[in-house]
PDB file of N, CA and C in Angstrom:
ATOM      1  N   MET A   1     124.974  99.530  45.206  1.00  0.00           N
ATOM      2  CA  MET A   1     125.685 100.061  44.070  1.00  0.00           C
ATOM      3  C   MET A   1     124.687 100.260  42.927  1.00  0.00           C
ATOM      4  N   LYS A   2     124.866 101.359  42.231  1.00  0.00           N
ATOM      5  CA  LYS A   2     124.013 101.636  41.086  1.00  0.00           C
ATOM      6  C   LYS A   2     124.480 100.769  39.912  1.00  0.00           C
ATOM      7  N   LEU A   3     123.541 100.034  39.338  1.00  0.00           N
ATOM      8  CA  LEU A   3     123.873  99.064  38.305  1.00  0.00           C
ATOM      9  C   LEU A   3     122.921  99.213  37.125  1.00  0.00           C
ATOM     10  N   GLN A   4     123.472  99.255  35.923  1.00  0.00           N
ATOM     11  CA  GLN A   4     122.662  99.263  34.708  1.00  0.00           C
ATOM     12  C   GLN A   4     122.801  97.898  34.047  1.00  0.00           C
ATOM     13  N   VAL A   5     121.671  97.279  33.744  1.00  0.00           N
ATOM     14  CA  VAL A   5     121.682  95.970  33.101  1.00  0.00           C
ATOM     15  C   VAL A   5     121.120  96.125  31.694  1.00  0.00           C
ATOM     16  N   HIS A   6     121.915  95.706  30.707  1.00  0.00           N
ATOM     17  CA  HIS A   6     121.509  95.779  29.297  1.00  0.00           C
ATOM     18  C   HIS A   6     121.392  94.362  28.764  1.00  0.00           C
ATOM     19  N   SER A   7     120.221  93.989  28.311  1.00  0.00           N
ATOM     20  CA  SER A   7     120.056  92.679  27.686  1.00  0.00           C
ATOM     21  C   SER A   7     119.977  92.909  26.176  1.00  0.00           C
ATOM     22  N   ILE A   8     120.909  92.292  25.465  1.00  0.00           N
ATOM     23  CA  ILE A   8     121.058  92.509  24.031  1.00  0.00           C
ATOM     24  C   ILE A   8     120.196  91.497  23.263  1.00  0.00           C
ATOM     25  N   HIS A   9     119.256  91.989  22.473  1.00  0.00           N
ATOM     26  CA  HIS A   9     118.375  91.195  21.606  1.00  0.00           C
ATOM     27  C   HIS A   9     117.396  90.292  22.351  1.00  0.00           C
ATOM     28  N   PHE A  10     117.117  90.585  23.616  1.00  0.00           N
ATOM     29  CA  PHE A  10     116.065  89.887  24.354  1.00  0.00           C
ATOM     30  C   PHE A  10     115.728  90.730  25.581  1.00  0.00           C
ATOM     31  N   ASP A  11     114.633  90.383  26.260  1.00  0.00           N
ATOM     32  CA  ASP A  11     114.234  91.092  27.472  1.00  0.00           C
ATOM     33  C   ASP A  11     114.513  90.210  28.689  1.00  0.00           C
ATOM     34  N   ALA A  12     115.336  90.718  29.593  1.00  0.00           N
ATOM     35  CA  ALA A  12     115.664  89.978  30.810  1.00  0.00           C
ATOM     36  C   ALA A  12     114.530  90.146  31.816  1.00  0.00           C
ATOM     37  N   ASP A  13     114.163  89.067  32.494  1.00  0.00           N
ATOM     38  CA  ASP A  13     113.100  89.174  33.492  1.00  0.00           C
ATOM     39  C   ASP A  13     113.655  89.762  34.796  1.00  0.00           C
ATOM     40  N   SER A  14     112.760  90.206  35.645  1.00  0.00           N
ATOM     41  CA  SER A  14     113.158  90.899  36.870  1.00  0.00           C
ATOM     42  C   SER A  14     113.897  89.967  37.840  1.00  0.00           C
ATOM     43  N   LYS A  15     113.585  88.662  37.813  1.00  0.00           N
ATOM     44  CA  LYS A  15     114.294  87.712  38.688  1.00  0.00           C
ATOM     45  C   LYS A  15     115.782  87.673  38.353  1.00  0.00           C
ATOM     46  N   LEU A  16     116.095  87.666  37.068  1.00  0.00           N
ATOM     47  CA  LEU A  16     117.495  87.641  36.639  1.00  0.00           C
ATOM     48  C   LEU A  16     118.204  88.936  37.030  1.00  0.00           C
ATOM     49  N   ILE A  17     117.560  90.055  36.827  1.00  0.00           N
ATOM     50  CA  ILE A  17     118.151  91.346  37.168  1.00  0.00           C
ATOM     51  C   ILE A  17     118.377  91.452  38.676  1.00  0.00           C
ATOM     52  N   ASP A  18     117.402  90.985  39.473  1.00  0.00           N
ATOM     53  CA  ASP A  18     117.558  90.986  40.930  1.00  0.00           C
ATOM     54  C   ASP A  18     118.721  90.092  41.361  1.00  0.00           C
ATOM     55  N   PHE A  19     118.850  88.922  40.722  1.00  0.00           N
ATOM     56  CA  PHE A  19     119.950  88.006  41.027  1.00  0.00           C
ATOM     57  C   PHE A  19     121.297  88.683  40.773  1.00  0.00           C
ATOM     58  N   ILE A  20     121.416  89.334  39.623  1.00  0.00           N
ATOM     59  CA  ILE A  20     122.663  90.007  39.255  1.00  0.00           C
ATOM     60  C   ILE A  20     122.969  91.126  40.248  1.00  0.00           C
ATOM     61  N   GLN A  21     121.953  91.908  40.600  1.00  0.00           N
ATOM     62  CA  GLN A  21     122.137  93.008  41.552  1.00  0.00           C
ATOM     63  C   GLN A  21     122.632  92.489  42.906  1.00  0.00           C
ATOM     64  N   LYS A  22     122.000  91.437  43.411  1.00  0.00           N
ATOM     65  CA  LYS A  22     122.403  90.886  44.709  1.00  0.00           C
ATOM     66  C   LYS A  22     123.825  90.333  44.654  1.00  0.00           C
ATOM     67  N   ARG A  23     124.144  89.640  43.578  1.00  0.00           N
ATOM     68  CA  ARG A  23     125.470  89.027  43.448  1.00  0.00           C
ATOM     69  C   ARG A  23     126.553  90.108  43.401  1.00  0.00           C
ATOM     70  N   LEU A  24     126.301  91.182  42.673  1.00  0.00           N
ATOM     71  CA  LEU A  24     127.320  92.216  42.542  1.00  0.00           C
ATOM     72  C   LEU A  24     127.367  93.132  43.759  1.00  0.00           C
ATOM     73  N   ASP A  25     126.269  93.245  44.495  1.00  0.00           N
ATOM     74  CA  ASP A  25     126.298  94.016  45.736  1.00  0.00           C
ATOM     75  C   ASP A  25     127.243  93.382  46.751  1.00  0.00           C
ATOM     76  N   LYS A  26     127.413  92.072  46.672  1.00  0.00           N
ATOM     77  CA  LYS A  26     128.323  91.380  47.587  1.00  0.00           C
ATOM     78  C   LYS A  26     129.777  91.791  47.363  1.00  0.00           C
ATOM     79  N   LEU A  27     130.094  92.308  46.183  1.00  0.00           N
ATOM     80  CA  LEU A  27     131.462  92.738  45.905  1.00  0.00           C
ATOM     81  C   LEU A  27     131.862  93.936  46.765  1.00  0.00           C
ATOM     82  N   GLU A  28     130.880  94.678  47.270  1.00  0.00           N
ATOM     83  CA  GLU A  28     131.183  95.843  48.104  1.00  0.00           C
ATOM     84  C   GLU A  28     131.814  95.432  49.433  1.00  0.00           C
ATOM     85  N   THR A  29     131.711  94.166  49.816  1.00  0.00           N
ATOM     86  CA  THR A  29     132.368  93.726  51.049  1.00  0.00           C
ATOM     87  C   THR A  29     133.885  93.680  50.860  1.00  0.00           C
ATOM     88  N   PHE A  30     134.355  93.569  49.616  1.00  0.00           N
ATOM     89  CA  PHE A  30     135.786  93.508  49.343  1.00  0.00           C
ATOM     90  C   PHE A  30     136.384  94.877  49.083  1.00  0.00           C
ATOM     91  N   TYR A  31     135.580  95.787  48.545  1.00  0.00           N
ATOM     92  CA  TYR A  31     136.035  97.160  48.286  1.00  0.00           C
ATOM     93  C   TYR A  31     134.796  98.045  48.301  1.00  0.00           C
ATOM     94  N   ASP A  32     134.707  98.905  49.302  1.00  0.00           N
ATOM     95  CA  ASP A  32     133.464  99.645  49.526  1.00  0.00           C
ATOM     96  C   ASP A  32     133.352 100.946  48.743  1.00  0.00           C
ATOM     97  N   ARG A  33     134.305 101.245  47.882  1.00  0.00           N
ATOM     98  CA  ARG A  33     134.257 102.495  47.135  1.00  0.00           C
ATOM     99  C   ARG A  33     133.846 102.294  45.676  1.00  0.00           C
ATOM    100  N   LEU A  34     133.079 101.256  45.388  1.00  0.00           N
ATOM    101  CA  LEU A  34     132.588 101.035  44.032  1.00  0.00           C
ATOM    102  C   LEU A  34     131.638 102.164  43.645  1.00  0.00           C
ATOM    103  N   VAL A  35     131.836 102.726  42.468  1.00  0.00           N
ATOM    104  CA  VAL A  35     131.012 103.852  42.026  1.00  0.00           C
ATOM    105  C   VAL A  35     129.721 103.336  41.409  1.00  0.00           C
ATOM    106  N   ASP A  36     129.846 102.591  40.326  1.00  0.00           N
ATOM    107  CA  ASP A  36     128.679 102.027  39.647  1.00  0.00           C
ATOM    108  C   ASP A  36     129.156 100.918  38.711  1.00  0.00           C
ATOM    109  N   GLY A  37     128.203 100.330  37.990  1.00  0.00           N
ATOM    110  CA  GLY A  37     128.564  99.247  37.092  1.00  0.00           C
ATOM    111  C   GLY A  37     127.581  99.088  35.955  1.00  0.00           C
ATOM    112  N   GLU A  38     128.037  98.404  34.925  1.00  0.00           N
ATOM    113  CA  GLU A  38     127.203  98.081  33.776  1.00  0.00           C
ATOM    114  C   GLU A  38     127.317  96.584  33.509  1.00  0.00           C
ATOM    115  N   VAL A  39     126.185  95.980  33.189  1.00  0.00           N
ATOM    116  CA  VAL A  39     126.153  94.550  32.881  1.00  0.00           C
ATOM    117  C   VAL A  39     125.520  94.381  31.506  1.00  0.00           C
ATOM    118  N   PHE A  40     126.181  93.609  30.655  1.00  0.00           N
ATOM    119  CA  PHE A  40     125.651  93.302  29.329  1.00  0.00           C
ATOM    120  C   PHE A  40     125.372  91.804  29.249  1.00  0.00           C
ATOM    121  N   LEU A  41     124.142  91.449  28.918  1.00  0.00           N
ATOM    122  CA  LEU A  41     123.729  90.059  28.775  1.00  0.00           C
ATOM    123  C   LEU A  41     123.518  89.772  27.295  1.00  0.00           C
ATOM    124  N   ARG A  42     124.188  88.735  26.795  1.00  0.00           N
ATOM    125  CA  ARG A  42     124.081  88.398  25.375  1.00  0.00           C
ATOM    126  C   ARG A  42     123.759  86.918  25.203  1.00  0.00           C
ATOM    127  N   LEU A  43     122.930  86.624  24.214  1.00  0.00           N
ATOM    128  CA  LEU A  43     122.658  85.242  23.798  1.00  0.00           C
ATOM    129  C   LEU A  43     123.457  84.975  22.532  1.00  0.00           C
ATOM    130  N   ASN A  44     124.306  83.944  22.573  1.00  0.00           N
ATOM    131  CA  ASN A  44     125.071  83.552  21.389  1.00  0.00           C
ATOM    132  C   ASN A  44     124.335  82.405  20.710  1.00  0.00           C
ATOM    133  N   ASN A  45     124.576  82.226  19.434  1.00  0.00           N
ATOM    134  CA  ASN A  45     123.862  81.202  18.682  1.00  0.00           C
ATOM    135  C   ASN A  45     124.554  79.848  18.670  1.00  0.00           C
ATOM    136  N   GLU A  46     125.833  79.807  19.014  1.00  0.00           N
ATOM    137  CA  GLU A  46     126.559  78.551  18.886  1.00  0.00           C
ATOM    138  C   GLU A  46     126.888  77.934  20.229  1.00  0.00           C
ATOM    139  N   GLY A  47     126.845  76.611  20.290  1.00  0.00           N
ATOM    140  CA  GLY A  47     127.284  75.871  21.459  1.00  0.00           C
ATOM    141  C   GLY A  47     126.265  75.788  22.586  1.00  0.00           C
ATOM    142  N   ILE A  48     126.614  74.971  23.574  1.00  0.00           N
ATOM    143  CA  ILE A  48     125.755  74.789  24.748  1.00  0.00           C
ATOM    144  C   ILE A  48     125.896  75.981  25.683  1.00  0.00           C
ATOM    145  N   GLU A  49     127.142  76.416  25.882  1.00  0.00           N
ATOM    146  CA  GLU A  49     127.391  77.564  26.766  1.00  0.00           C
ATOM    147  C   GLU A  49     127.214  78.843  25.950  1.00  0.00           C
ATOM    148  N   ASN A  50     125.952  79.188  25.712  1.00  0.00           N
ATOM    149  CA  ASN A  50     125.647  80.282  24.795  1.00  0.00           C
ATOM    150  C   ASN A  50     125.194  81.561  25.481  1.00  0.00           C
ATOM    151  N   LYS A  51     125.380  81.671  26.797  1.00  0.00           N
ATOM    152  CA  LYS A  51     124.990  82.876  27.525  1.00  0.00           C
ATOM    153  C   LYS A  51     126.259  83.614  27.956  1.00  0.00           C
ATOM    154  N   THR A  52     126.377  84.873  27.570  1.00  0.00           N
ATOM    155  CA  THR A  52     127.554  85.669  27.893  1.00  0.00           C
ATOM    156  C   THR A  52     127.162  86.822  28.803  1.00  0.00           C
ATOM    157  N   VAL A  53     127.941  87.014  29.851  1.00  0.00           N
ATOM    158  CA  VAL A  53     127.755  88.138  30.768  1.00  0.00           C
ATOM    159  C   VAL A  53     129.040  88.951  30.774  1.00  0.00           C
ATOM    160  N   GLU A  54     128.918  90.254  30.518  1.00  0.00           N
ATOM    161  CA  GLU A  54     130.040  91.177  30.601  1.00  0.00           C
ATOM    162  C   GLU A  54     129.721  92.185  31.692  1.00  0.00           C
ATOM    163  N   ILE A  55     130.654  92.370  32.617  1.00  0.00           N
ATOM    164  CA  ILE A  55     130.443  93.291  33.727  1.00  0.00           C
ATOM    165  C   ILE A  55     131.585  94.295  33.752  1.00  0.00           C
ATOM    166  N   LYS A  56     131.219  95.571  33.789  1.00  0.00           N
ATOM    167  CA  LYS A  56     132.206  96.645  33.907  1.00  0.00           C
ATOM    168  C   LYS A  56     131.908  97.396  35.196  1.00  0.00           C
ATOM    169  N   LEU A  57     132.880  97.446  36.094  1.00  0.00           N
ATOM    170  CA  LEU A  57     132.731  98.171  37.354  1.00  0.00           C
ATOM    171  C   LEU A  57     133.618  99.406  37.328  1.00  0.00           C
ATOM    172  N   ASN A  58     133.075 100.510  37.798  1.00  0.00           N
ATOM    173  CA  ASN A  58     133.846 101.739  37.912  1.00  0.00           C
ATOM    174  C   ASN A  58     134.261 101.927  39.365  1.00  0.00           C
ATOM    175  N   VAL A  59     135.552 102.055  39.566  1.00  0.00           N
ATOM    176  CA  VAL A  59     136.103 102.354  40.880  1.00  0.00           C
ATOM    177  C   VAL A  59     136.876 103.664  40.722  1.00  0.00           C
ATOM    178  N   PRO A  60     137.095 104.398  41.801  1.00  0.00           N
ATOM    179  CA  PRO A  60     137.799 105.673  41.672  1.00  0.00           C
ATOM    180  C   PRO A  60     139.154 105.515  40.984  1.00  0.00           C
ATOM    181  N   GLY A  61     139.293 106.137  39.822  1.00  0.00           N
ATOM    182  CA  GLY A  61     140.551 106.107  39.095  1.00  0.00           C
ATOM    183  C   GLY A  61     140.756 104.934  38.162  1.00  0.00           C
ATOM    184  N   SER A  62     139.791 104.029  38.052  1.00  0.00           N
ATOM    185  CA  SER A  62     139.998 102.860  37.209  1.00  0.00           C
ATOM    186  C   SER A  62     138.673 102.192  36.845  1.00  0.00           C
ATOM    187  N   HIS A  63     138.762 101.215  35.939  1.00  0.00           N
ATOM    188  CA  HIS A  63     137.630 100.385  35.548  1.00  0.00           C
ATOM    189  C   HIS A  63     138.065  98.932  35.665  1.00  0.00           C
ATOM    190  N   LEU A  64     137.155  98.075  36.116  1.00  0.00           N
ATOM    191  CA  LEU A  64     137.408  96.641  36.169  1.00  0.00           C
ATOM    192  C   LEU A  64     136.422  95.961  35.240  1.00  0.00           C
ATOM    193  N   PHE A  65     136.866  94.906  34.561  1.00  0.00           N
ATOM    194  CA  PHE A  65     136.021  94.261  33.555  1.00  0.00           C
ATOM    195  C   PHE A  65     136.168  92.747  33.637  1.00  0.00           C
ATOM    196  N   ALA A  66     135.035  92.059  33.478  1.00  0.00           N
ATOM    197  CA  ALA A  66     135.044  90.597  33.406  1.00  0.00           C
ATOM    198  C   ALA A  66     134.009  90.151  32.384  1.00  0.00           C
ATOM    199  N   LYS A  67     134.365  89.121  31.626  1.00  0.00           N
ATOM    200  CA  LYS A  67     133.457  88.559  30.615  1.00  0.00           C
ATOM    201  C   LYS A  67     133.501  87.051  30.756  1.00  0.00           C
ATOM    202  N   GLU A  68     132.321  86.438  30.919  1.00  0.00           N
ATOM    203  CA  GLU A  68     132.254  84.983  31.102  1.00  0.00           C
ATOM    204  C   GLU A  68     131.107  84.401  30.300  1.00  0.00           C
ATOM    205  N   GLN A  69     131.268  83.117  29.908  1.00  0.00           N
ATOM    206  CA  GLN A  69     130.231  82.371  29.194  1.00  0.00           C
ATOM    207  C   GLN A  69     129.873  81.136  29.993  1.00  0.00           C
ATOM    208  N   ALA A  70     128.586  80.775  29.967  1.00  0.00           N
ATOM    209  CA  ALA A  70     128.127  79.575  30.657  1.00  0.00           C
ATOM    210  C   ALA A  70     126.786  79.135  30.064  1.00  0.00           C
ATOM    211  N   ARG A  71     126.233  78.046  30.625  1.00  0.00           N
ATOM    212  CA  ARG A  71     124.924  77.546  30.166  1.00  0.00           C
ATOM    213  C   ARG A  71     123.791  78.483  30.561  1.00  0.00           C
ATOM    214  N   THR A  72     123.936  79.149  31.718  1.00  0.00           N
ATOM    215  CA  THR A  72     122.886  80.064  32.190  1.00  0.00           C
ATOM    216  C   THR A  72     123.518  81.410  32.531  1.00  0.00           C
ATOM    217  N   PHE A  73     122.685  82.435  32.546  1.00  0.00           N
ATOM    218  CA  PHE A  73     123.171  83.752  32.918  1.00  0.00           C
ATOM    219  C   PHE A  73     123.605  83.781  34.377  1.00  0.00           C
ATOM    220  N   GLU A  74     122.927  83.009  35.221  1.00  0.00           N
ATOM    221  CA  GLU A  74     123.289  82.967  36.641  1.00  0.00           C
ATOM    222  C   GLU A  74     124.693  82.400  36.828  1.00  0.00           C
ATOM    223  N   ALA A  75     124.987  81.313  36.129  1.00  0.00           N
ATOM    224  CA  ALA A  75     126.311  80.698  36.233  1.00  0.00           C
ATOM    225  C   ALA A  75     127.392  81.631  35.688  1.00  0.00           C
ATOM    226  N   ALA A  76     127.108  82.290  34.580  1.00  0.00           N
ATOM    227  CA  ALA A  76     128.067  83.234  34.007  1.00  0.00           C
ATOM    228  C   ALA A  76     128.279  84.424  34.940  1.00  0.00           C
ATOM    229  N   THR A  77     127.214  84.868  35.597  1.00  0.00           N
ATOM    230  CA  THR A  77     127.328  85.963  36.565  1.00  0.00           C
ATOM    231  C   THR A  77     128.195  85.551  37.743  1.00  0.00           C
ATOM    232  N   ASP A  78     128.013  84.316  38.225  1.00  0.00           N
ATOM    233  CA  ASP A  78     128.845  83.813  39.318  1.00  0.00           C
ATOM    234  C   ASP A  78     130.324  83.807  38.931  1.00  0.00           C
ATOM    235  N   LEU A  79     130.624  83.318  37.732  1.00  0.00           N
ATOM    236  CA  LEU A  79     132.012  83.269  37.273  1.00  0.00           C
ATOM    237  C   LEU A  79     132.605  84.671  37.137  1.00  0.00           C
ATOM    238  N   ALA A  80     131.828  85.581  36.567  1.00  0.00           N
ATOM    239  CA  ALA A  80     132.313  86.949  36.374  1.00  0.00           C
ATOM    240  C   ALA A  80     132.499  87.663  37.706  1.00  0.00           C
ATOM    241  N   SER A  81     131.594  87.427  38.657  1.00  0.00           N
ATOM    242  CA  SER A  81     131.736  88.093  39.958  1.00  0.00           C
ATOM    243  C   SER A  81     132.956  87.560  40.711  1.00  0.00           C
ATOM    244  N   GLU A  82     133.272  86.266  40.543  1.00  0.00           N
ATOM    245  CA  GLU A  82     134.485  85.714  41.150  1.00  0.00           C
ATOM    246  C   GLU A  82     135.734  86.359  40.547  1.00  0.00           C
ATOM    247  N   ALA A  83     135.723  86.544  39.230  1.00  0.00           N
ATOM    248  CA  ALA A  83     136.859  87.198  38.566  1.00  0.00           C
ATOM    249  C   ALA A  83     137.000  88.641  39.047  1.00  0.00           C
ATOM    250  N   LEU A  84     135.876  89.326  39.210  1.00  0.00           N
ATOM    251  CA  LEU A  84     135.914  90.707  39.686  1.00  0.00           C
ATOM    252  C   LEU A  84     136.361  90.777  41.146  1.00  0.00           C
ATOM    253  N   LYS A  85     135.996  89.783  41.931  1.00  0.00           N
ATOM    254  CA  LYS A  85     136.426  89.744  43.328  1.00  0.00           C
ATOM    255  C   LYS A  85     137.952  89.706  43.399  1.00  0.00           C
ATOM    256  N   THR A  86     138.551  88.875  42.568  1.00  0.00           N
ATOM    257  CA  THR A  86     140.011  88.788  42.514  1.00  0.00           C
ATOM    258  C   THR A  86     140.616  90.120  42.077  1.00  0.00           C
ATOM    259  N   GLN A  87     140.027  90.733  41.053  1.00  0.00           N
ATOM    260  CA  GLN A  87     140.523  92.020  40.571  1.00  0.00           C
ATOM    261  C   GLN A  87     140.395  93.099  41.643  1.00  0.00           C
ATOM    262  N   LEU A  88     139.280  93.084  42.375  1.00  0.00           N
ATOM    263  CA  LEU A  88     139.075  94.077  43.430  1.00  0.00           C
ATOM    264  C   LEU A  88     140.110  93.930  44.538  1.00  0.00           C
ATOM    265  N   LYS A  89     140.418  92.699  44.924  1.00  0.00           N
ATOM    266  CA  LYS A  89     141.416  92.475  45.965  1.00  0.00           C
ATOM    267  C   LYS A  89     142.782  93.003  45.519  1.00  0.00           C
ATOM    268  N   LYS A  90     143.158  92.734  44.271  1.00  0.00           N
ATOM    269  CA  LYS A  90     144.431  93.231  43.742  1.00  0.00           C
ATOM    270  C   LYS A  90     144.431  94.755  43.681  1.00  0.00           C
ATOM    271  N   PHE A  91     143.321  95.323  43.233  1.00  0.00           N
ATOM    272  CA  PHE A  91     143.214  96.778  43.126  1.00  0.00           C
ATOM    273  C   PHE A  91     143.328  97.425  44.508  1.00  0.00           C
ATOM    274  N   LYS A  92     142.658  96.843  45.487  1.00  0.00           N
ATOM    275  CA  LYS A  92     142.689  97.376  46.854  1.00  0.00           C
ATOM    276  C   LYS A  92     144.112  97.343  47.410  1.00  0.00           C
ATOM    277  N   ASN A  93     144.832  96.236  47.191  1.00  0.00           N
ATOM    278  CA  ASN A  93     146.223  96.145  47.640  1.00  0.00           C
ATOM    279  C   ASN A  93     147.105  97.170  46.933  1.00  0.00           C
ATOM    280  N   LYS A  94     146.861  97.390  45.658  1.00  0.00           N
ATOM    281  CA  LYS A  94     147.622  98.364  44.886  1.00  0.00           C
ATOM    282  C   LYS A  94     147.397  99.777  45.432  1.00  0.00           C
ATOM    283  N   VAL A  95     146.149 100.088  45.776  1.00  0.00           N
ATOM    284  CA  VAL A  95     145.824 101.399  46.337  1.00  0.00           C
ATOM    285  C   VAL A  95     146.487 101.565  47.702  1.00  0.00           C
ATOM    286  N   LYS A  96     146.441 100.510  48.530  1.00  0.00           N
ATOM    287  CA  LYS A  96     147.086 100.553  49.854  1.00  0.00           C
ATOM    288  C   LYS A  96     148.591 100.804  49.722  1.00  0.00           C
ATOM    289  N   GLU A  97     149.233 100.084  48.799  1.00  0.00           N
ATOM    290  CA  GLU A  97     150.671 100.204  48.637  1.00  0.00           C
ATOM    291  C   GLU A  97     151.068 101.582  48.123  1.00  0.00           C
ATOM    292  N   SER A  98     150.239 102.204  47.314  1.00  0.00           N
ATOM    293  CA  SER A  98     150.565 103.518  46.785  1.00  0.00           C
ATOM    294  C   SER A  98     150.446 104.602  47.856  1.00  0.00           C
ATOM    295  N   ARG A  99     149.696 104.339  48.911  1.00  0.00           N
ATOM    296  CA  ARG A  99     149.563 105.302  50.005  1.00  0.00           C
ATOM    297  C   ARG A  99     150.749 105.277  50.951  1.00  0.00           C
ATOM    298  N   VAL A 100     151.464 104.149  50.953  1.00  0.00           N
ATOM    299  CA  VAL A 100     152.580 103.982  51.904  1.00  0.00           C
ATOM    300  C   VAL A 100     153.805 104.700  51.444  1.00  0.00           C
TER     301      VAL A 100
END
């Protein structure tokens, strides 16, 4: 899947970007018609869980979105990808039901 990663007010290293790409590529096993996606990485100034990941996925006819905060970008990516997995399953069932 084509993915754009935007790191806001810092430069993300290639290891982090590769991790995000691999994690989100796994979502294609649940719905194989993903068009593309955008990921926004933000550092917040307050609290321990100061890393925010926002993921927007484009699927035919709709957009899916998840936003999560955690201590690390990897943990936030895991949480957001789990939320998107749930959304993808619901979306896939909705598409199936509309065809019947």
